[in-house]
PDB file of N, CA and C in Angstrom:
ATOM      1  N   MET A   1      -3.217  19.205 -52.279  1.00  0.00           N
ATOM      2  CA  MET A   1      -4.237  17.863 -52.398  1.00  0.00           C
ATOM      3  C   MET A   1      -3.291  16.587 -52.975  1.00  0.00           C
ATOM      4  N   LYS A   2      -1.666  17.091 -52.957  1.00  0.00           N
ATOM      5  CA  LYS A   2      -1.115  15.898 -53.167  1.00  0.00           C
ATOM      6  C   LYS A   2      -0.944  14.859 -52.049  1.00  0.00           C
ATOM      7  N   LEU A   3      -1.381  15.584 -50.900  1.00  0.00           N
ATOM      8  CA  LEU A   3      -0.887  14.584 -49.490  1.00  0.00           C
ATOM      9  C   LEU A   3      -2.143  13.933 -49.523  1.00  0.00           C
ATOM     10  N   LEU A   4      -3.546  14.049 -50.022  1.00  0.00           N
ATOM     11  CA  LEU A   4      -4.559  13.340 -49.531  1.00  0.00           C
ATOM     12  C   LEU A   4      -4.523  12.133 -50.702  1.00  0.00           C
ATOM     13  N   THR A   5      -3.743  12.236 -51.738  1.00  0.00           N
ATOM     14  CA  THR A   5      -3.444  10.992 -52.854  1.00  0.00           C
ATOM     15  C   THR A   5      -2.878  10.072 -52.019  1.00  0.00           C
ATOM     16  N   HIS A   6      -1.887  10.276 -51.204  1.00  0.00           N
ATOM     17  CA  HIS A   6      -1.011   9.251 -50.746  1.00  0.00           C
ATOM     18  C   HIS A   6      -1.582   8.716 -49.305  1.00  0.00           C
ATOM     19  N   ILE A   7      -2.601   9.032 -48.853  1.00  0.00           N
ATOM     20  CA  ILE A   7      -3.147   8.557 -47.760  1.00  0.00           C
ATOM     21  C   ILE A   7      -3.985   7.515 -48.095  1.00  0.00           C
ATOM     22  N   PRO A   8      -4.033   6.156 -47.523  1.00  0.00           N
ATOM     23  CA  PRO A   8      -4.890   5.021 -48.016  1.00  0.00           C
ATOM     24  C   PRO A   8      -6.452   5.547 -47.942  1.00  0.00           C
ATOM     25  N   SER A   9      -7.223   4.777 -48.349  1.00  0.00           N
ATOM     26  CA  SER A   9      -8.541   5.386 -48.422  1.00  0.00           C
ATOM     27  C   SER A   9      -9.143   4.592 -47.016  1.00  0.00           C
ATOM     28  N   TRP A  10      -8.831   3.781 -46.399  1.00  0.00           N
ATOM     29  CA  TRP A  10      -9.684   3.167 -45.006  1.00  0.00           C
ATOM     30  C   TRP A  10      -8.868   4.163 -43.701  1.00  0.00           C
ATOM     31  N   LEU A  11      -7.914   4.880 -44.234  1.00  0.00           N
ATOM     32  CA  LEU A  11      -7.549   6.177 -43.094  1.00  0.00           C
ATOM     33  C   LEU A  11      -8.214   7.323 -43.181  1.00  0.00           C
ATOM     34  N   LYS A  12      -8.843   7.204 -44.552  1.00  0.00           N
ATOM     35  CA  LYS A  12      -9.706   8.568 -44.825  1.00  0.00           C
ATOM     36  C   LYS A  12     -11.501   8.361 -43.976  1.00  0.00           C
ATOM     37  N   ASN A  13     -11.439   6.966 -43.948  1.00  0.00           N
ATOM     38  CA  ASN A  13     -13.202   6.478 -43.371  1.00  0.00           C
ATOM     39  C   ASN A  13     -13.488   7.264 -42.034  1.00  0.00           C
ATOM     40  N   LYS A  14     -14.589   7.991 -42.100  1.00  0.00           N
ATOM     41  CA  LYS A  14     -14.969   8.805 -40.702  1.00  0.00           C
ATOM     42  C   LYS A  14     -15.334   7.999 -39.905  1.00  0.00           C
ATOM     43  N   TYR A  15     -15.959   6.976 -40.090  1.00  0.00           N
ATOM     44  CA  TYR A  15     -16.485   5.951 -39.260  1.00  0.00           C
ATOM     45  C   TYR A  15     -15.073   5.299 -38.506  1.00  0.00           C
ATOM     46  N   LEU A  16     -14.035   4.982 -39.274  1.00  0.00           N
ATOM     47  CA  LEU A  16     -13.051   4.634 -38.471  1.00  0.00           C
ATOM     48  C   LEU A  16     -12.384   5.884 -37.651  1.00  0.00           C
ATOM     49  N   LEU A  17     -12.206   6.871 -38.040  1.00  0.00           N
ATOM     50  CA  LEU A  17     -11.632   7.924 -37.285  1.00  0.00           C
ATOM     51  C   LEU A  17     -12.369   8.113 -36.197  1.00  0.00           C
ATOM     52  N   THR A  18     -13.781   8.232 -36.235  1.00  0.00           N
ATOM     53  CA  THR A  18     -14.592   8.591 -34.747  1.00  0.00           C
ATOM     54  C   THR A  18     -14.487   7.324 -33.912  1.00  0.00           C
ATOM     55  N   GLY A  19     -14.729   6.163 -34.408  1.00  0.00           N
ATOM     56  CA  GLY A  19     -14.375   4.947 -33.446  1.00  0.00           C
ATOM     57  C   GLY A  19     -13.119   5.086 -32.973  1.00  0.00           C
ATOM     58  N   ALA A  20     -11.973   5.348 -33.497  1.00  0.00           N
ATOM     59  CA  ALA A  20     -10.514   5.353 -32.804  1.00  0.00           C
ATOM     60  C   ALA A  20     -10.590   6.400 -31.839  1.00  0.00           C
ATOM     61  N   PHE A  21     -11.047   7.319 -32.312  1.00  0.00           N
ATOM     62  CA  PHE A  21     -11.136   8.558 -31.475  1.00  0.00           C
ATOM     63  C   PHE A  21     -11.791   8.324 -30.019  1.00  0.00           C
ATOM     64  N   PHE A  22     -13.217   7.802 -30.076  1.00  0.00           N
ATOM     65  CA  PHE A  22     -13.863   7.308 -29.184  1.00  0.00           C
ATOM     66  C   PHE A  22     -13.190   6.270 -28.223  1.00  0.00           C
ATOM     67  N   VAL A  23     -12.503   5.176 -28.756  1.00  0.00           N
ATOM     68  CA  VAL A  23     -11.868   4.202 -28.188  1.00  0.00           C
ATOM     69  C   VAL A  23     -10.589   5.011 -27.188  1.00  0.00           C
ATOM     70  N   ILE A  24      -9.900   5.700 -27.769  1.00  0.00           N
ATOM     71  CA  ILE A  24      -8.603   6.544 -27.333  1.00  0.00           C
ATOM     72  C   ILE A  24      -9.095   7.331 -26.362  1.00  0.00           C
ATOM     73  N   TRP A  25     -10.305   8.322 -26.411  1.00  0.00           N
ATOM     74  CA  TRP A  25     -10.887   8.989 -25.331  1.00  0.00           C
ATOM     75  C   TRP A  25     -11.313   8.016 -24.101  1.00  0.00           C
ATOM     76  N   MET A  26     -12.044   7.292 -24.222  1.00  0.00           N
ATOM     77  CA  MET A  26     -12.619   6.266 -23.530  1.00  0.00           C
ATOM     78  C   MET A  26     -11.572   5.716 -22.613  1.00  0.00           C
ATOM     79  N   LEU A  27     -10.441   5.240 -23.323  1.00  0.00           N
ATOM     80  CA  LEU A  27      -9.300   4.603 -22.412  1.00  0.00           C
ATOM     81  C   LEU A  27      -8.306   5.558 -21.800  1.00  0.00           C
ATOM     82  N   PHE A  28      -8.282   6.851 -21.930  1.00  0.00           N
ATOM     83  CA  PHE A  28      -6.960   7.412 -21.571  1.00  0.00           C
ATOM     84  C   PHE A  28      -7.716   8.860 -20.653  1.00  0.00           C
ATOM     85  N   PHE A  29      -8.828   9.386 -21.319  1.00  0.00           N
ATOM     86  CA  PHE A  29      -9.284  10.747 -20.993  1.00  0.00           C
ATOM     87  C   PHE A  29     -10.702  10.903 -20.361  1.00  0.00           C
ATOM     88  N   ASP A  30     -11.179   9.906 -20.240  1.00  0.00           N
ATOM     89  CA  ASP A  30     -12.469   9.843 -19.778  1.00  0.00           C
ATOM     90  C   ASP A  30     -12.403   9.638 -18.093  1.00  0.00           C
ATOM     91  N   PRO A  31     -13.074  10.298 -17.290  1.00  0.00           N
ATOM     92  CA  PRO A  31     -13.018  10.275 -15.734  1.00  0.00           C
ATOM     93  C   PRO A  31     -13.079   8.736 -15.136  1.00  0.00           C
ATOM     94  N   LYS A  32     -13.835   7.812 -15.819  1.00  0.00           N
ATOM     95  CA  LYS A  32     -13.940   6.271 -15.726  1.00  0.00           C
ATOM     96  C   LYS A  32     -12.941   5.562 -16.572  1.00  0.00           C
ATOM     97  N   ASP A  33     -11.936   5.868 -16.803  1.00  0.00           N
ATOM     98  CA  ASP A  33     -10.998   5.305 -17.612  1.00  0.00           C
ATOM     99  C   ASP A  33     -10.432   4.088 -17.082  1.00  0.00           C
ATOM    100  N   ILE A  34      -9.677   3.074 -17.660  1.00  0.00           N
ATOM    101  CA  ILE A  34      -9.228   1.988 -17.272  1.00  0.00           C
ATOM    102  C   ILE A  34      -8.431   1.943 -15.919  1.00  0.00           C
ATOM    103  N   PHE A  35      -7.437   2.695 -16.187  1.00  0.00           N
ATOM    104  CA  PHE A  35      -6.559   2.999 -14.974  1.00  0.00           C
ATOM    105  C   PHE A  35      -7.039   3.411 -13.786  1.00  0.00           C
ATOM    106  N   SER A  36      -8.139   4.498 -13.874  1.00  0.00           N
ATOM    107  CA  SER A  36      -8.661   4.920 -12.533  1.00  0.00           C
ATOM    108  C   SER A  36      -9.594   3.573 -11.758  1.00  0.00           C
ATOM    109  N   ASP A  37      -9.966   2.847 -12.923  1.00  0.00           N
ATOM    110  CA  ASP A  37     -10.865   1.796 -12.292  1.00  0.00           C
ATOM    111  C   ASP A  37      -9.892   0.517 -11.718  1.00  0.00           C
ATOM    112  N   PHE A  38      -8.737   0.552 -12.530  1.00  0.00           N
ATOM    113  CA  PHE A  38      -7.857  -0.588 -11.349  1.00  0.00           C
ATOM    114  C   PHE A  38      -7.548   0.157 -10.123  1.00  0.00           C
ATOM    115  N   GLU A  39      -7.292   1.355  -9.948  1.00  0.00           N
ATOM    116  CA  GLU A  39      -6.806   1.953  -8.891  1.00  0.00           C
ATOM    117  C   GLU A  39      -8.216   1.947  -7.918  1.00  0.00           C
ATOM    118  N   ARG A  40      -9.442   2.131  -8.295  1.00  0.00           N
ATOM    119  CA  ARG A  40     -10.405   2.157  -7.283  1.00  0.00           C
ATOM    120  C   ARG A  40     -10.878   0.591  -6.993  1.00  0.00           C
ATOM    121  N   ARG A  41     -10.430  -0.338  -7.908  1.00  0.00           N
ATOM    122  CA  ARG A  41     -10.713  -1.786  -7.324  1.00  0.00           C
ATOM    123  C   ARG A  41      -9.591  -2.251  -6.368  1.00  0.00           C
ATOM    124  N   ASN A  42      -8.319  -1.792  -6.700  1.00  0.00           N
ATOM    125  CA  ASN A  42      -7.411  -1.931  -5.676  1.00  0.00           C
ATOM    126  C   ASN A  42      -7.766  -1.328  -4.278  1.00  0.00           C
ATOM    127  N   LYS A  43      -8.226  -0.021  -4.353  1.00  0.00           N
ATOM    128  CA  LYS A  43      -8.688   0.473  -2.902  1.00  0.00           C
ATOM    129  C   LYS A  43      -9.933  -0.267  -2.359  1.00  0.00           C
ATOM    130  N   LEU A  44     -10.714  -0.763  -3.350  1.00  0.00           N
ATOM    131  CA  LEU A  44     -11.772  -1.419  -2.741  1.00  0.00           C
ATOM    132  C   LEU A  44     -11.370  -2.916  -1.798  1.00  0.00           C
ATOM    133  N   THR A  45     -10.399  -3.483  -2.575  1.00  0.00           N
ATOM    134  CA  THR A  45      -9.960  -4.692  -1.758  1.00  0.00           C
ATOM    135  C   THR A  45      -9.402  -4.220  -0.442  1.00  0.00           C
ATOM    136  N   GLU A  46      -8.315  -3.173  -0.383  1.00  0.00           N
ATOM    137  CA  GLU A  46      -7.894  -2.902   0.801  1.00  0.00           C
ATOM    138  C   GLU A  46      -8.850  -2.462   1.876  1.00  0.00           C
ATOM    139  N   LEU A  47     -10.142  -1.617   1.396  1.00  0.00           N
ATOM    140  CA  LEU A  47     -10.914  -1.443   2.197  1.00  0.00           C
ATOM    141  C   LEU A  47     -11.638  -2.473   3.286  1.00  0.00           C
ATOM    142  N   GLU A  48     -12.114  -3.580   2.226  1.00  0.00           N
ATOM    143  CA  GLU A  48     -12.676  -4.804   2.518  1.00  0.00           C
ATOM    144  C   GLU A  48     -11.840  -5.378   3.352  1.00  0.00           C
ATOM    145  N   LYS A  49     -10.364  -5.669   3.391  1.00  0.00           N
ATOM    146  CA  LYS A  49      -9.481  -6.179   4.295  1.00  0.00           C
ATOM    147  C   LYS A  49      -9.644  -5.318   5.501  1.00  0.00           C
ATOM    148  N   SER A  50      -9.450  -4.031   5.434  1.00  0.00           N
ATOM    149  CA  SER A  50      -9.671  -3.331   6.840  1.00  0.00           C
ATOM    150  C   SER A  50     -10.794  -3.405   7.422  1.00  0.00           C
ATOM    151  N   GLU A  51     -11.889  -3.882   6.914  1.00  0.00           N
ATOM    152  CA  GLU A  51     -13.380  -3.822   7.218  1.00  0.00           C
ATOM    153  C   GLU A  51     -13.446  -5.221   8.034  1.00  0.00           C
ATOM    154  N   LEU A  52     -12.984  -6.327   7.659  1.00  0.00           N
ATOM    155  CA  LEU A  52     -12.733  -7.580   8.069  1.00  0.00           C
ATOM    156  C   LEU A  52     -12.015  -7.489   9.382  1.00  0.00           C
ATOM    157  N   HIS A  53     -10.720  -6.945   9.313  1.00  0.00           N
ATOM    158  CA  HIS A  53      -9.935  -6.579  10.537  1.00  0.00           C
ATOM    159  C   HIS A  53     -10.784  -5.777  11.651  1.00  0.00           C
ATOM    160  N   LEU A  54     -11.128  -4.719  11.246  1.00  0.00           N
ATOM    161  CA  LEU A  54     -12.067  -4.003  12.162  1.00  0.00           C
ATOM    162  C   LEU A  54     -13.220  -4.834  12.835  1.00  0.00           C
ATOM    163  N   LYS A  55     -13.867  -5.590  12.086  1.00  0.00           N
ATOM    164  CA  LYS A  55     -14.954  -6.371  12.479  1.00  0.00           C
ATOM    165  C   LYS A  55     -14.400  -7.434  13.720  1.00  0.00           C
ATOM    166  N   LYS A  56     -13.306  -8.179  13.420  1.00  0.00           N
ATOM    167  CA  LYS A  56     -12.942  -8.841  14.169  1.00  0.00           C
ATOM    168  C   LYS A  56     -12.191  -8.418  15.448  1.00  0.00           C
ATOM    169  N   LEU A  57     -11.799  -7.055  15.526  1.00  0.00           N
ATOM    170  CA  LEU A  57     -11.395  -6.458  16.436  1.00  0.00           C
ATOM    171  C   LEU A  57     -12.796  -6.152  17.328  1.00  0.00           C
ATOM    172  N   ILE A  58     -13.664  -5.598  16.783  1.00  0.00           N
ATOM    173  CA  ILE A  58     -15.127  -5.329  17.453  1.00  0.00           C
ATOM    174  C   ILE A  58     -15.636  -6.508  18.349  1.00  0.00           C
ATOM    175  N   THR A  59     -15.611  -7.897  17.514  1.00  0.00           N
ATOM    176  CA  THR A  59     -16.028  -9.000  18.067  1.00  0.00           C
ATOM    177  C   THR A  59     -15.351  -9.396  19.372  1.00  0.00           C
ATOM    178  N   GLU A  60     -14.092  -9.386  19.176  1.00  0.00           N
ATOM    179  CA  GLU A  60     -13.040  -9.652  20.564  1.00  0.00           C
ATOM    180  C   GLU A  60     -13.363  -8.498  21.400  1.00  0.00           C
ATOM    181  N   THR A  61     -13.303  -7.437  21.292  1.00  0.00           N
ATOM    182  CA  THR A  61     -14.056  -6.070  22.590  1.00  0.00           C
ATOM    183  C   THR A  61     -15.176  -6.580  22.974  1.00  0.00           C
ATOM    184  N   ARG A  62     -16.331  -6.772  22.150  1.00  0.00           N
ATOM    185  CA  ARG A  62     -17.506  -7.133  22.354  1.00  0.00           C
ATOM    186  C   ARG A  62     -17.181  -8.303  23.748  1.00  0.00           C
ATOM    187  N   GLN A  63     -16.678  -9.341  23.129  1.00  0.00           N
ATOM    188  CA  GLN A  63     -16.419 -10.494  24.307  1.00  0.00           C
ATOM    189  C   GLN A  63     -15.944 -10.054  25.292  1.00  0.00           C
ATOM    190  N   GLU A  64     -14.702  -9.377  25.405  1.00  0.00           N
ATOM    191  CA  GLU A  64     -13.949  -8.957  26.456  1.00  0.00           C
ATOM    192  C   GLU A  64     -15.009  -8.382  27.289  1.00  0.00           C
ATOM    193  N   LEU A  65     -15.645  -7.011  27.004  1.00  0.00           N
ATOM    194  CA  LEU A  65     -16.501  -6.473  27.767  1.00  0.00           C
ATOM    195  C   LEU A  65     -17.697  -7.042  28.495  1.00  0.00           C
ATOM    196  N   TYR A  66     -18.357  -8.309  27.863  1.00  0.00           N
ATOM    197  CA  TYR A  66     -18.955  -9.362  28.096  1.00  0.00           C
ATOM    198  C   TYR A  66     -18.546 -10.018  29.360  1.00  0.00           C
ATOM    199  N   LEU A  67     -17.333 -10.097  29.239  1.00  0.00           N
ATOM    200  CA  LEU A  67     -16.755 -10.928  30.400  1.00  0.00           C
ATOM    201  C   LEU A  67     -16.228 -10.105  31.584  1.00  0.00           C
ATOM    202  N   LEU A  68     -15.976  -8.677  31.117  1.00  0.00           N
ATOM    203  CA  LEU A  68     -15.841  -7.820  32.393  1.00  0.00           C
ATOM    204  C   LEU A  68     -17.138  -7.441  32.993  1.00  0.00           C
ATOM    205  N   LYS A  69     -18.204  -7.625  32.121  1.00  0.00           N
ATOM    206  CA  LYS A  69     -19.294  -7.258  33.082  1.00  0.00           C
ATOM    207  C   LYS A  69     -19.907  -8.249  33.970  1.00  0.00           C
ATOM    208  N   ASN A  70     -19.823  -9.586  33.424  1.00  0.00           N
ATOM    209  CA  ASN A  70     -20.353 -10.972  33.928  1.00  0.00           C
ATOM    210  C   ASN A  70     -19.439 -11.878  35.085  1.00  0.00           C
ATOM    211  N   ASN A  71     -18.233 -11.247  35.129  1.00  0.00           N
ATOM    212  CA  ASN A  71     -16.995 -12.346  35.797  1.00  0.00           C
ATOM    213  C   ASN A  71     -16.168 -11.391  36.430  1.00  0.00           C
ATOM    214  N   ALA A  72     -16.163 -11.623  37.817  1.00  0.00           N
ATOM    215  CA  ALA A  72     -15.309 -10.995  38.816  1.00  0.00           C
ATOM    216  C   ALA A  72     -13.704 -11.366  38.531  1.00  0.00           C
ATOM    217  N   GLN A  73     -13.651 -12.603  38.136  1.00  0.00           N
ATOM    218  CA  GLN A  73     -12.045 -12.994  38.047  1.00  0.00           C
ATOM    219  C   GLN A  73     -11.714 -12.361  36.844  1.00  0.00           C
ATOM    220  N   SER A  74     -12.587 -12.009  35.777  1.00  0.00           N
ATOM    221  CA  SER A  74     -12.038 -11.348  34.367  1.00  0.00           C
ATOM    222  C   SER A  74     -11.506  -9.768  34.791  1.00  0.00           C
ATOM    223  N   ILE A  75     -12.338  -9.432  35.572  1.00  0.00           N
ATOM    224  CA  ILE A  75     -12.163  -7.922  36.120  1.00  0.00           C
ATOM    225  C   ILE A  75     -10.710  -7.789  36.970  1.00  0.00           C
ATOM    226  N   GLU A  76     -10.190  -8.519  37.748  1.00  0.00           N
ATOM    227  CA  GLU A  76      -9.115  -8.843  38.430  1.00  0.00           C
ATOM    228  C   GLU A  76      -7.862  -8.880  37.453  1.00  0.00           C
ATOM    229  N   LYS A  77      -8.219 -10.279  36.555  1.00  0.00           N
ATOM    230  CA  LYS A  77      -7.200 -10.483  35.538  1.00  0.00           C
ATOM    231  C   LYS A  77      -6.877  -9.289  34.554  1.00  0.00           C
ATOM    232  N   TYR A  78      -8.031  -8.581  33.890  1.00  0.00           N
ATOM    233  CA  TYR A  78      -7.654  -7.346  33.033  1.00  0.00           C
ATOM    234  C   TYR A  78      -6.944  -6.460  33.948  1.00  0.00           C
ATOM    235  N   ALA A  79      -7.462  -5.996  35.362  1.00  0.00           N
ATOM    236  CA  ALA A  79      -6.715  -5.108  35.854  1.00  0.00           C
ATOM    237  C   ALA A  79      -5.171  -5.359  36.220  1.00  0.00           C
ATOM    238  N   ARG A  80      -4.807  -6.608  36.383  1.00  0.00           N
ATOM    239  CA  ARG A  80      -3.502  -7.053  36.602  1.00  0.00           C
ATOM    240  C   ARG A  80      -2.896  -6.820  35.089  1.00  0.00           C
ATOM    241  N   GLU A  81      -3.273  -7.322  34.225  1.00  0.00           N
ATOM    242  CA  GLU A  81      -2.621  -7.139  32.757  1.00  0.00           C
ATOM    243  C   GLU A  81      -2.280  -5.898  32.274  1.00  0.00           C
ATOM    244  N   LYS A  82      -3.562  -5.306  32.226  1.00  0.00           N
ATOM    245  CA  LYS A  82      -3.492  -3.819  31.430  1.00  0.00           C
ATOM    246  C   LYS A  82      -2.989  -2.764  32.419  1.00  0.00           C
ATOM    247  N   TYR A  83      -3.352  -2.584  33.621  1.00  0.00           N
ATOM    248  CA  TYR A  83      -2.926  -1.626  34.715  1.00  0.00           C
ATOM    249  C   TYR A  83      -1.828  -1.728  35.543  1.00  0.00           C
ATOM    250  N   LEU A  84      -1.402  -2.972  35.684  1.00  0.00           N
ATOM    251  CA  LEU A  84      -0.209  -3.624  36.345  1.00  0.00           C
ATOM    252  C   LEU A  84      -0.650  -3.469  37.944  1.00  0.00           C
ATOM    253  N   MET A  85      -1.804  -3.535  38.126  1.00  0.00           N
ATOM    254  CA  MET A  85      -2.248  -3.583  39.785  1.00  0.00           C
ATOM    255  C   MET A  85      -1.904  -4.823  40.214  1.00  0.00           C
ATOM    256  N   LYS A  86      -1.584  -4.653  41.608  1.00  0.00           N
ATOM    257  CA  LYS A  86      -1.422  -6.006  42.505  1.00  0.00           C
ATOM    258  C   LYS A  86      -1.992  -5.820  43.853  1.00  0.00           C
ATOM    259  N   LYS A  87      -1.915  -7.005  44.582  1.00  0.00           N
ATOM    260  CA  LYS A  87      -2.527  -6.751  46.022  1.00  0.00           C
ATOM    261  C   LYS A  87      -1.649  -6.165  46.895  1.00  0.00           C
ATOM    262  N   ASP A  88      -1.666  -5.986  47.918  1.00  0.00           N
ATOM    263  CA  ASP A  88      -0.888  -5.434  49.014  1.00  0.00           C
ATOM    264  C   ASP A  88       0.106  -6.241  49.300  1.00  0.00           C
ATOM    265  N   ASN A  89      -0.114  -7.448  49.365  1.00  0.00           N
ATOM    266  CA  ASN A  89       1.160  -8.552  50.000  1.00  0.00           C
ATOM    267  C   ASN A  89       1.784  -9.149  48.711  1.00  0.00           C
ATOM    268  N   GLU A  90       1.772  -8.601  47.815  1.00  0.00           N
ATOM    269  CA  GLU A  90       2.259  -9.247  46.346  1.00  0.00           C
ATOM    270  C   GLU A  90       3.381  -8.430  45.951  1.00  0.00           C
ATOM    271  N   ASP A  91       4.410  -9.049  45.307  1.00  0.00           N
ATOM    272  CA  ASP A  91       5.694  -8.309  44.699  1.00  0.00           C
ATOM    273  C   ASP A  91       5.103  -8.591  43.129  1.00  0.00           C
ATOM    274  N   LEU A  92       5.613  -7.394  42.330  1.00  0.00           N
ATOM    275  CA  LEU A  92       4.993  -7.593  40.938  1.00  0.00           C
ATOM    276  C   LEU A  92       6.310  -7.373  40.167  1.00  0.00           C
ATOM    277  N   PHE A  93       6.763  -8.381  39.114  1.00  0.00           N
ATOM    278  CA  PHE A  93       7.754  -8.419  38.333  1.00  0.00           C
ATOM    279  C   PHE A  93       7.508  -8.249  36.906  1.00  0.00           C
ATOM    280  N   ILE A  94       7.821  -7.515  36.414  1.00  0.00           N
ATOM    281  CA  ILE A  94       7.286  -7.133  34.997  1.00  0.00           C
ATOM    282  C   ILE A  94       8.606  -7.494  33.688  1.00  0.00           C
ATOM    283  N   VAL A  95       8.442  -8.385  32.747  1.00  0.00           N
ATOM    284  CA  VAL A  95       9.476  -8.912  32.132  1.00  0.00           C
ATOM    285  C   VAL A  95       8.977  -8.386  30.680  1.00  0.00           C
ATOM    286  N   ASN A  96      10.042  -7.758  30.009  1.00  0.00           N
ATOM    287  CA  ASN A  96       9.471  -7.206  28.889  1.00  0.00           C
ATOM    288  C   ASN A  96      10.421  -7.939  27.529  1.00  0.00           C
ATOM    289  N   SER A  97       9.562  -8.372  26.599  1.00  0.00           N
ATOM    290  CA  SER A  97      10.370  -9.075  25.729  1.00  0.00           C
ATOM    291  C   SER A  97      10.974  -8.539  24.714  1.00  0.00           C
ATOM    292  N   ALA A  98      12.167  -9.100  23.881  1.00  0.00           N
ATOM    293  CA  ALA A  98      12.857  -8.109  22.969  1.00  0.00           C
ATOM    294  C   ALA A  98      12.132  -7.552  21.768  1.00  0.00           C
ATOM    295  N   PRO A  99      12.365  -6.413  21.529  1.00  0.00           N
ATOM    296  CA  PRO A  99      11.758  -5.929  20.410  1.00  0.00           C
ATOM    297  C   PRO A  99      11.967  -6.500  19.140  1.00  0.00           C
ATOM    298  N   GLU A 100      11.261  -6.588  18.178  1.00  0.00           N
ATOM    299  CA  GLU A 100      11.187  -7.308  17.122  1.00  0.00           C
ATOM    300  C   GLU A 100      11.846  -6.479  15.994  1.00  0.00           C
ATOM    301  N   ASN A 101      12.993  -7.108  15.310  1.00  0.00           N
ATOM    302  CA  ASN A 101      13.589  -5.924  14.122  1.00  0.00           C
ATOM    303  C   ASN A 101      12.937  -6.247  13.024  1.00  0.00           C
ATOM    304  N   LYS A 102      12.425  -5.262  12.566  1.00  0.00           N
ATOM    305  CA  LYS A 102      11.874  -5.054  11.351  1.00  0.00           C
ATOM    306  C   LYS A 102      12.475  -4.357  10.201  1.00  0.00           C
TER     307      LYS A 102
END
């Protein structure tokens, strides 16, 4: 019992001990702790950026599809650029750009 006499009375307070235990539990051990919340928020921002990028790609692809369906010149241009097609009396020269160093 000598040990209990040296402990300050405010550390013996059951409400303080319960509150401190609750705060520590919520900060570190709970499945919805602060660190997991930060990770989830970062993941959310990454996914939102990815969503915007994919929406942009979808609109570009839809516009290209519309042009291919409605314009004969765009079909020829697409075939020449993507599939390297050419007419019978033409010569085709392919120039590759230098690879980027990353």
